[in-house]
PDB file of all heavy atoms in Angstrom:
ATOM      1  N   TYR A   1     -21.350   2.885  -9.164  1.00  0.00           N
ATOM      2  CA  TYR A   1     -21.145   1.545  -9.702  1.00  0.00           C
ATOM      3  C   TYR A   1     -21.480   1.511 -11.199  1.00  0.00           C
ATOM      4  O   TYR A   1     -20.778   1.068 -12.100  1.00  0.00           O
ATOM      5  CB  TYR A   1     -21.786   0.487  -9.025  1.00  0.00           C
ATOM      6  CG  TYR A   1     -21.612  -0.898  -9.554  1.00  0.00           C
ATOM      7  CD1 TYR A   1     -20.404  -1.541  -9.283  1.00  0.00           C
ATOM      8  CD2 TYR A   1     -22.568  -1.539 -10.419  1.00  0.00           C
ATOM      9  CE1 TYR A   1     -20.181  -2.790  -9.836  1.00  0.00           C
ATOM     10  CE2 TYR A   1     -22.307  -2.742 -10.885  1.00  0.00           C
ATOM     11  CZ  TYR A   1     -21.197  -3.442 -10.592  1.00  0.00           C
ATOM     12  OH  TYR A   1     -20.876  -4.634 -11.159  1.00  0.00           O
ATOM     13  N   PHE A   2     -22.671   2.123 -11.544  1.00  0.00           N
ATOM     14  CA  PHE A   2     -23.131   2.117 -12.952  1.00  0.00           C
ATOM     15  C   PHE A   2     -22.560   3.352 -13.641  1.00  0.00           C
ATOM     16  O   PHE A   2     -23.206   4.341 -13.878  1.00  0.00           O
ATOM     17  CB  PHE A   2     -24.671   2.099 -12.947  1.00  0.00           C
ATOM     18  CG  PHE A   2     -25.250   0.840 -12.385  1.00  0.00           C
ATOM     19  CD1 PHE A   2     -25.832   0.826 -11.080  1.00  0.00           C
ATOM     20  CD2 PHE A   2     -25.155  -0.422 -13.058  1.00  0.00           C
ATOM     21  CE1 PHE A   2     -26.369  -0.316 -10.595  1.00  0.00           C
ATOM     22  CE2 PHE A   2     -25.691  -1.507 -12.573  1.00  0.00           C
ATOM     23  CZ  PHE A   2     -26.284  -1.511 -11.301  1.00  0.00           C
ATOM     24  N   ASN A   3     -21.245   3.201 -13.919  1.00  0.00           N
ATOM     25  CA  ASN A   3     -20.479   4.366 -14.381  1.00  0.00           C
ATOM     26  C   ASN A   3     -20.115   4.267 -15.902  1.00  0.00           C
ATOM     27  O   ASN A   3     -19.255   4.989 -16.359  1.00  0.00           O
ATOM     28  CB  ASN A   3     -19.178   4.424 -13.620  1.00  0.00           C
ATOM     29  CG  ASN A   3     -18.352   3.151 -13.620  1.00  0.00           C
ATOM     30  OD1 ASN A   3     -18.643   2.253 -14.369  1.00  0.00           O
ATOM     31  ND2 ASN A   3     -17.381   2.951 -12.793  1.00  0.00           N
ATOM     32  N   ALA A   4     -20.801   3.369 -16.623  1.00  0.00           N
ATOM     33  CA  ALA A   4     -20.449   3.208 -18.075  1.00  0.00           C
ATOM     34  C   ALA A   4     -21.003   4.449 -18.832  1.00  0.00           C
ATOM     35  O   ALA A   4     -21.812   5.205 -18.336  1.00  0.00           O
ATOM     36  CB  ALA A   4     -21.158   1.970 -18.596  1.00  0.00           C
ATOM     37  N   GLU A   5     -20.481   4.644 -19.968  1.00  0.00           N
ATOM     38  CA  GLU A   5     -20.866   5.787 -20.843  1.00  0.00           C
ATOM     39  C   GLU A   5     -22.105   5.512 -21.651  1.00  0.00           C
ATOM     40  O   GLU A   5     -22.459   6.351 -22.469  1.00  0.00           O
ATOM     41  CB  GLU A   5     -19.692   6.243 -21.664  1.00  0.00           C
ATOM     42  CG  GLU A   5     -18.488   6.792 -20.906  1.00  0.00           C
ATOM     43  CD  GLU A   5     -18.903   7.966 -20.017  1.00  0.00           C
ATOM     44  OE1 GLU A   5     -19.649   8.867 -20.498  1.00  0.00           O
ATOM     45  OE2 GLU A   5     -18.405   7.949 -18.848  1.00  0.00           O
ATOM     46  N   SER A   6     -22.736   4.400 -21.470  1.00  0.00           N
ATOM     47  CA  SER A   6     -23.866   4.071 -22.271  1.00  0.00           C
ATOM     48  C   SER A   6     -25.029   5.064 -21.909  1.00  0.00           C
ATOM     49  O   SER A   6     -25.065   5.672 -20.836  1.00  0.00           O
ATOM     50  CB  SER A   6     -24.371   2.655 -21.891  1.00  0.00           C
ATOM     51  OG  SER A   6     -24.816   2.578 -20.606  1.00  0.00           O
ATOM     52  N   THR A   7     -25.925   5.162 -22.839  1.00  0.00           N
ATOM     53  CA  THR A   7     -27.136   6.088 -22.709  1.00  0.00           C
ATOM     54  C   THR A   7     -27.891   5.628 -21.464  1.00  0.00           C
ATOM     55  O   THR A   7     -28.345   6.542 -20.653  1.00  0.00           O
ATOM     56  CB  THR A   7     -27.992   6.091 -23.904  1.00  0.00           C
ATOM     57  OG1 THR A   7     -27.249   6.439 -25.055  1.00  0.00           O
ATOM     58  CG2 THR A   7     -29.139   6.974 -23.780  1.00  0.00           C
ATOM     59  N   GLU A   8     -28.048   4.348 -21.334  1.00  0.00           N
ATOM     60  CA  GLU A   8     -28.880   3.879 -20.179  1.00  0.00           C
ATOM     61  C   GLU A   8     -28.250   4.196 -18.861  1.00  0.00           C
ATOM     62  O   GLU A   8     -28.931   4.702 -17.856  1.00  0.00           O
ATOM     63  CB  GLU A   8     -29.077   2.350 -20.352  1.00  0.00           C
ATOM     64  CG  GLU A   8     -29.891   1.941 -21.507  1.00  0.00           C
ATOM     65  CD  GLU A   8     -29.181   1.944 -22.793  1.00  0.00           C
ATOM     66  OE1 GLU A   8     -27.934   2.060 -22.723  1.00  0.00           O
ATOM     67  OE2 GLU A   8     -29.789   1.756 -23.824  1.00  0.00           O
ATOM     68  N   GLU A   9     -26.989   3.890 -18.685  1.00  0.00           N
ATOM     69  CA  GLU A   9     -26.371   4.121 -17.350  1.00  0.00           C
ATOM     70  C   GLU A   9     -26.140   5.662 -17.124  1.00  0.00           C
ATOM     71  O   GLU A   9     -26.223   6.058 -15.964  1.00  0.00           O
ATOM     72  CB  GLU A   9     -24.996   3.386 -17.322  1.00  0.00           C
ATOM     73  CG  GLU A   9     -25.219   1.862 -17.249  1.00  0.00           C
ATOM     74  CD  GLU A   9     -23.998   1.113 -16.817  1.00  0.00           C
ATOM     75  OE1 GLU A   9     -23.173   1.672 -16.076  1.00  0.00           O
ATOM     76  OE2 GLU A   9     -23.879  -0.083 -17.179  1.00  0.00           O
ATOM     77  N   ALA A  10     -25.845   6.403 -18.119  1.00  0.00           N
ATOM     78  CA  ALA A  10     -25.756   7.924 -17.917  1.00  0.00           C
ATOM     79  C   ALA A  10     -27.139   8.473 -17.464  1.00  0.00           C
ATOM     80  O   ALA A  10     -27.137   9.312 -16.573  1.00  0.00           O
ATOM     81  CB  ALA A  10     -25.282   8.509 -19.235  1.00  0.00           C
ATOM     82  N   ALA A  11     -28.216   7.938 -18.095  1.00  0.00           N
ATOM     83  CA  ALA A  11     -29.495   8.418 -17.652  1.00  0.00           C
ATOM     84  C   ALA A  11     -29.845   8.023 -16.263  1.00  0.00           C
ATOM     85  O   ALA A  11     -30.489   8.778 -15.516  1.00  0.00           O
ATOM     86  CB  ALA A  11     -30.587   7.953 -18.678  1.00  0.00           C
ATOM     87  N   LEU A  12     -29.492   6.821 -15.932  1.00  0.00           N
ATOM     88  CA  LEU A  12     -29.678   6.301 -14.555  1.00  0.00           C
ATOM     89  C   LEU A  12     -29.018   7.150 -13.574  1.00  0.00           C
ATOM     90  O   LEU A  12     -29.596   7.569 -12.491  1.00  0.00           O
ATOM     91  CB  LEU A  12     -29.265   4.846 -14.441  1.00  0.00           C
ATOM     92  CG  LEU A  12     -29.387   4.135 -13.095  1.00  0.00           C
ATOM     93  CD1 LEU A  12     -30.898   4.126 -12.647  1.00  0.00           C
ATOM     94  CD2 LEU A  12     -28.769   2.780 -13.099  1.00  0.00           C
ATOM     95  N   ARG A  13     -27.796   7.552 -13.764  1.00  0.00           N
ATOM     96  CA  ARG A  13     -27.038   8.327 -12.864  1.00  0.00           C
ATOM     97  C   ARG A  13     -27.692   9.745 -12.718  1.00  0.00           C
ATOM     98  O   ARG A  13     -27.795  10.274 -11.599  1.00  0.00           O
ATOM     99  CB  ARG A  13     -25.560   8.542 -13.292  1.00  0.00           C
ATOM    100  CG  ARG A  13     -24.745   7.257 -13.306  1.00  0.00           C
ATOM    101  CD  ARG A  13     -23.330   7.532 -13.494  1.00  0.00           C
ATOM    102  NE  ARG A  13     -22.946   8.154 -14.782  1.00  0.00           N
ATOM    103  CZ  ARG A  13     -22.702   7.424 -15.838  1.00  0.00           C
ATOM    104  NH1 ARG A  13     -22.750   6.171 -15.857  1.00  0.00           N
ATOM    105  NH2 ARG A  13     -22.392   8.042 -17.003  1.00  0.00           N
ATOM    106  N   GLU A  14     -28.123  10.247 -13.836  1.00  0.00           N
ATOM    107  CA  GLU A  14     -28.830  11.611 -13.749  1.00  0.00           C
ATOM    108  C   GLU A  14     -30.056  11.535 -13.004  1.00  0.00           C
ATOM    109  O   GLU A  14     -30.358  12.438 -12.147  1.00  0.00           O
ATOM    110  CB  GLU A  14     -29.041  12.087 -15.173  1.00  0.00           C
ATOM    111  CG  GLU A  14     -29.627  13.441 -15.222  1.00  0.00           C
ATOM    112  CD  GLU A  14     -29.839  13.904 -16.709  1.00  0.00           C
ATOM    113  OE1 GLU A  14     -29.301  13.295 -17.579  1.00  0.00           O
ATOM    114  OE2 GLU A  14     -30.525  14.962 -16.835  1.00  0.00           O
ATOM    115  N   ARG A  15     -30.862  10.508 -13.082  1.00  0.00           N
ATOM    116  CA  ARG A  15     -32.126  10.346 -12.365  1.00  0.00           C
ATOM    117  C   ARG A  15     -31.836  10.170 -10.900  1.00  0.00           C
ATOM    118  O   ARG A  15     -32.577  10.687 -10.035  1.00  0.00           O
ATOM    119  CB  ARG A  15     -32.933   9.213 -12.937  1.00  0.00           C
ATOM    120  CG  ARG A  15     -33.376   9.464 -14.351  1.00  0.00           C
ATOM    121  CD  ARG A  15     -34.118   8.310 -14.963  1.00  0.00           C
ATOM    122  NE  ARG A  15     -35.368   7.983 -14.406  1.00  0.00           N
ATOM    123  CZ  ARG A  15     -36.061   6.918 -14.654  1.00  0.00           C
ATOM    124  NH1 ARG A  15     -35.617   5.893 -15.423  1.00  0.00           N
ATOM    125  NH2 ARG A  15     -37.320   6.721 -14.106  1.00  0.00           N
ATOM    126  N   ILE A  16     -30.833   9.378 -10.571  1.00  0.00           N
ATOM    127  CA  ILE A  16     -30.456   9.232  -9.129  1.00  0.00           C
ATOM    128  C   ILE A  16     -30.073  10.554  -8.547  1.00  0.00           C
ATOM    129  O   ILE A  16     -30.470  10.887  -7.438  1.00  0.00           O
ATOM    130  CB  ILE A  16     -29.308   8.115  -9.005  1.00  0.00           C
ATOM    131  CG1 ILE A  16     -29.845   6.755  -9.254  1.00  0.00           C
ATOM    132  CG2 ILE A  16     -28.705   8.208  -7.597  1.00  0.00           C
ATOM    133  CD1 ILE A  16     -28.810   5.681  -9.293  1.00  0.00           C
ATOM    134  N   THR A  17     -29.270  11.365  -9.312  1.00  0.00           N
ATOM    135  CA  THR A  17     -28.876  12.649  -8.787  1.00  0.00           C
ATOM    136  C   THR A  17     -30.077  13.487  -8.558  1.00  0.00           C
ATOM    137  O   THR A  17     -30.119  14.302  -7.473  1.00  0.00           O
ATOM    138  CB  THR A  17     -27.891  13.345  -9.856  1.00  0.00           C
ATOM    139  OG1 THR A  17     -26.769  12.506  -9.974  1.00  0.00           O
ATOM    140  CG2 THR A  17     -27.532  14.686  -9.400  1.00  0.00           C
ATOM    141  N   GLY A  18     -31.067  13.460  -9.396  1.00  0.00           N
ATOM    142  CA  GLY A  18     -32.286  14.206  -9.155  1.00  0.00           C
ATOM    143  C   GLY A  18     -33.052  13.854  -7.922  1.00  0.00           C
ATOM    144  O   GLY A  18     -33.473  14.753  -7.099  1.00  0.00           O
ATOM    145  N   LEU A  19     -33.087  12.576  -7.626  1.00  0.00           N
ATOM    146  CA  LEU A  19     -33.706  12.106  -6.282  1.00  0.00           C
ATOM    147  C   LEU A  19     -32.879  12.551  -5.115  1.00  0.00           C
ATOM    148  O   LEU A  19     -33.459  13.042  -4.122  1.00  0.00           O
ATOM    149  CB  LEU A  19     -33.839  10.579  -6.341  1.00  0.00           C
ATOM    150  CG  LEU A  19     -34.789   9.963  -7.352  1.00  0.00           C
ATOM    151  CD1 LEU A  19     -34.564   8.481  -7.515  1.00  0.00           C
ATOM    152  CD2 LEU A  19     -36.265  10.274  -6.922  1.00  0.00           C
ATOM    153  N   TRP A  20     -31.584  12.428  -5.235  1.00  0.00           N
ATOM    154  CA  TRP A  20     -30.663  12.806  -4.197  1.00  0.00           C
ATOM    155  C   TRP A  20     -30.794  14.325  -3.874  1.00  0.00           C
ATOM    156  O   TRP A  20     -30.850  14.756  -2.722  1.00  0.00           O
ATOM    157  CB  TRP A  20     -29.260  12.391  -4.558  1.00  0.00           C
ATOM    158  CG  TRP A  20     -28.110  12.906  -3.887  1.00  0.00           C
ATOM    159  CD1 TRP A  20     -27.016  13.573  -4.438  1.00  0.00           C
ATOM    160  CD2 TRP A  20     -27.781  12.876  -2.447  1.00  0.00           C
ATOM    161  NE1 TRP A  20     -26.101  13.988  -3.492  1.00  0.00           N
ATOM    162  CE2 TRP A  20     -26.538  13.520  -2.336  1.00  0.00           C
ATOM    163  CE3 TRP A  20     -28.441  12.339  -1.372  1.00  0.00           C
ATOM    164  CZ2 TRP A  20     -25.943  13.664  -1.062  1.00  0.00           C
ATOM    165  CZ3 TRP A  20     -27.803  12.416  -0.135  1.00  0.00           C
ATOM    166  CH2 TRP A  20     -26.593  13.076   0.015  1.00  0.00           C
ATOM    167  N   GLN A  21     -30.798  15.113  -4.885  1.00  0.00           N
ATOM    168  CA  GLN A  21     -30.767  16.531  -4.695  1.00  0.00           C
ATOM    169  C   GLN A  21     -32.100  17.047  -4.104  1.00  0.00           C
ATOM    170  O   GLN A  21     -32.209  18.185  -3.646  1.00  0.00           O
ATOM    171  CB  GLN A  21     -30.377  17.276  -5.938  1.00  0.00           C
ATOM    172  CG  GLN A  21     -28.972  17.027  -6.392  1.00  0.00           C
ATOM    173  CD  GLN A  21     -28.523  17.806  -7.578  1.00  0.00           C
ATOM    174  OE1 GLN A  21     -29.391  18.428  -8.296  1.00  0.00           O
ATOM    175  NE2 GLN A  21     -27.226  17.725  -7.962  1.00  0.00           N
ATOM    176  N   ALA A  22     -33.158  16.292  -4.310  1.00  0.00           N
ATOM    177  CA  ALA A  22     -34.516  16.703  -3.784  1.00  0.00           C
ATOM    178  C   ALA A  22     -34.689  16.349  -2.324  1.00  0.00           C
ATOM    179  O   ALA A  22     -35.731  16.827  -1.747  1.00  0.00           O
ATOM    180  CB  ALA A  22     -35.543  15.989  -4.627  1.00  0.00           C
ATOM    181  N   MET A  23     -33.779  15.671  -1.660  1.00  0.00           N
ATOM    182  CA  MET A  23     -33.914  15.355  -0.291  1.00  0.00           C
ATOM    183  C   MET A  23     -33.603  16.496   0.601  1.00  0.00           C
ATOM    184  O   MET A  23     -32.425  16.882   0.732  1.00  0.00           O
ATOM    185  CB  MET A  23     -33.035  14.089   0.049  1.00  0.00           C
ATOM    186  CG  MET A  23     -33.383  12.895  -0.850  1.00  0.00           C
ATOM    187  SD  MET A  23     -32.284  11.437  -0.610  1.00  0.00           S
ATOM    188  CE  MET A  23     -32.978  10.744   0.950  1.00  0.00           C
ATOM    189  N   GLU A  24     -34.566  16.954   1.370  1.00  0.00           N
ATOM    190  CA  GLU A  24     -34.498  18.286   2.140  1.00  0.00           C
ATOM    191  C   GLU A  24     -34.013  17.918   3.564  1.00  0.00           C
ATOM    192  O   GLU A  24     -34.798  18.026   4.509  1.00  0.00           O
ATOM    193  CB  GLU A  24     -35.717  19.040   2.117  1.00  0.00           C
ATOM    194  CG  GLU A  24     -36.079  19.488   0.696  1.00  0.00           C
ATOM    195  CD  GLU A  24     -37.408  20.313   0.656  1.00  0.00           C
ATOM    196  OE1 GLU A  24     -37.687  21.092   1.729  1.00  0.00           O
ATOM    197  OE2 GLU A  24     -38.119  20.204  -0.254  1.00  0.00           O
ATOM    198  N   TRP A  25     -32.737  17.564   3.708  1.00  0.00           N
ATOM    199  CA  TRP A  25     -32.280  17.223   5.002  1.00  0.00           C
ATOM    200  C   TRP A  25     -32.429  18.355   6.009  1.00  0.00           C
ATOM    201  O   TRP A  25     -32.734  18.162   7.187  1.00  0.00           O
ATOM    202  CB  TRP A  25     -30.836  16.759   4.922  1.00  0.00           C
ATOM    203  CG  TRP A  25     -30.561  15.666   3.945  1.00  0.00           C
ATOM    204  CD1 TRP A  25     -30.269  15.786   2.660  1.00  0.00           C
ATOM    205  CD2 TRP A  25     -30.698  14.248   4.168  1.00  0.00           C
ATOM    206  NE1 TRP A  25     -30.118  14.540   2.027  1.00  0.00           N
ATOM    207  CE2 TRP A  25     -30.350  13.552   2.921  1.00  0.00           C
ATOM    208  CE3 TRP A  25     -31.010  13.507   5.328  1.00  0.00           C
ATOM    209  CZ2 TRP A  25     -30.475  12.197   2.865  1.00  0.00           C
ATOM    210  CZ3 TRP A  25     -31.067  12.070   5.222  1.00  0.00           C
ATOM    211  CH2 TRP A  25     -30.747  11.530   3.961  1.00  0.00           C
ATOM    212  N   ASP A  26     -32.040  19.598   5.520  1.00  0.00           N
ATOM    213  CA  ASP A  26     -32.055  20.700   6.450  1.00  0.00           C
ATOM    214  C   ASP A  26     -33.430  21.029   6.965  1.00  0.00           C
ATOM    215  O   ASP A  26     -33.578  21.586   8.035  1.00  0.00           O
ATOM    216  CB  ASP A  26     -31.416  21.974   5.729  1.00  0.00           C
ATOM    217  CG  ASP A  26     -32.052  22.240   4.343  1.00  0.00           C
ATOM    218  OD1 ASP A  26     -32.822  21.470   3.881  1.00  0.00           O
ATOM    219  OD2 ASP A  26     -31.744  23.391   3.866  1.00  0.00           O
ATOM    220  N   TRP A  27     -34.450  20.706   6.183  1.00  0.00           N
ATOM    221  CA  TRP A  27     -35.847  20.982   6.639  1.00  0.00           C
ATOM    222  C   TRP A  27     -36.174  20.151   7.795  1.00  0.00           C
ATOM    223  O   TRP A  27     -36.993  20.567   8.661  1.00  0.00           O
ATOM    224  CB  TRP A  27     -36.788  20.765   5.494  1.00  0.00           C
ATOM    225  CG  TRP A  27     -38.157  21.213   5.740  1.00  0.00           C
ATOM    226  CD1 TRP A  27     -38.640  22.550   5.551  1.00  0.00           C
ATOM    227  CD2 TRP A  27     -39.223  20.491   6.304  1.00  0.00           C
ATOM    228  NE1 TRP A  27     -39.937  22.565   5.892  1.00  0.00           N
ATOM    229  CE2 TRP A  27     -40.393  21.365   6.410  1.00  0.00           C
ATOM    230  CE3 TRP A  27     -39.440  19.152   6.622  1.00  0.00           C
ATOM    231  CZ2 TRP A  27     -41.629  20.985   6.818  1.00  0.00           C
ATOM    232  CZ3 TRP A  27     -40.590  18.749   7.094  1.00  0.00           C
ATOM    233  CH2 TRP A  27     -41.715  19.607   7.238  1.00  0.00           C
ATOM    234  N   TYR A  28     -35.543  19.015   7.941  1.00  0.00           N
ATOM    235  CA  TYR A  28     -35.871  18.072   9.064  1.00  0.00           C
ATOM    236  C   TYR A  28     -35.205  18.434  10.340  1.00  0.00           C
ATOM    237  O   TYR A  28     -35.199  17.640  11.298  1.00  0.00           O
ATOM    238  CB  TYR A  28     -35.594  16.551   8.589  1.00  0.00           C
ATOM    239  CG  TYR A  28     -36.727  15.982   7.823  1.00  0.00           C
ATOM    240  CD1 TYR A  28     -36.860  16.203   6.442  1.00  0.00           C
ATOM    241  CD2 TYR A  28     -37.668  15.245   8.439  1.00  0.00           C
ATOM    242  CE1 TYR A  28     -37.852  15.706   5.736  1.00  0.00           C
ATOM    243  CE2 TYR A  28     -38.711  14.617   7.728  1.00  0.00           C
ATOM    244  CZ  TYR A  28     -38.812  14.898   6.367  1.00  0.00           C
ATOM    245  OH  TYR A  28     -39.821  14.363   5.603  1.00  0.00           O
TER     246      TYR A  28
END
C-alpha cells in the first residue's frame, strides 16, 4: 500500500522487507 517513491515510504518498505526476511518459518 505504501508504494510512493518518497524517501519515507521507500525506507518503510525496505524495513518491512528486513523484518519479513528474518522470519524463520522453516525452523519452526
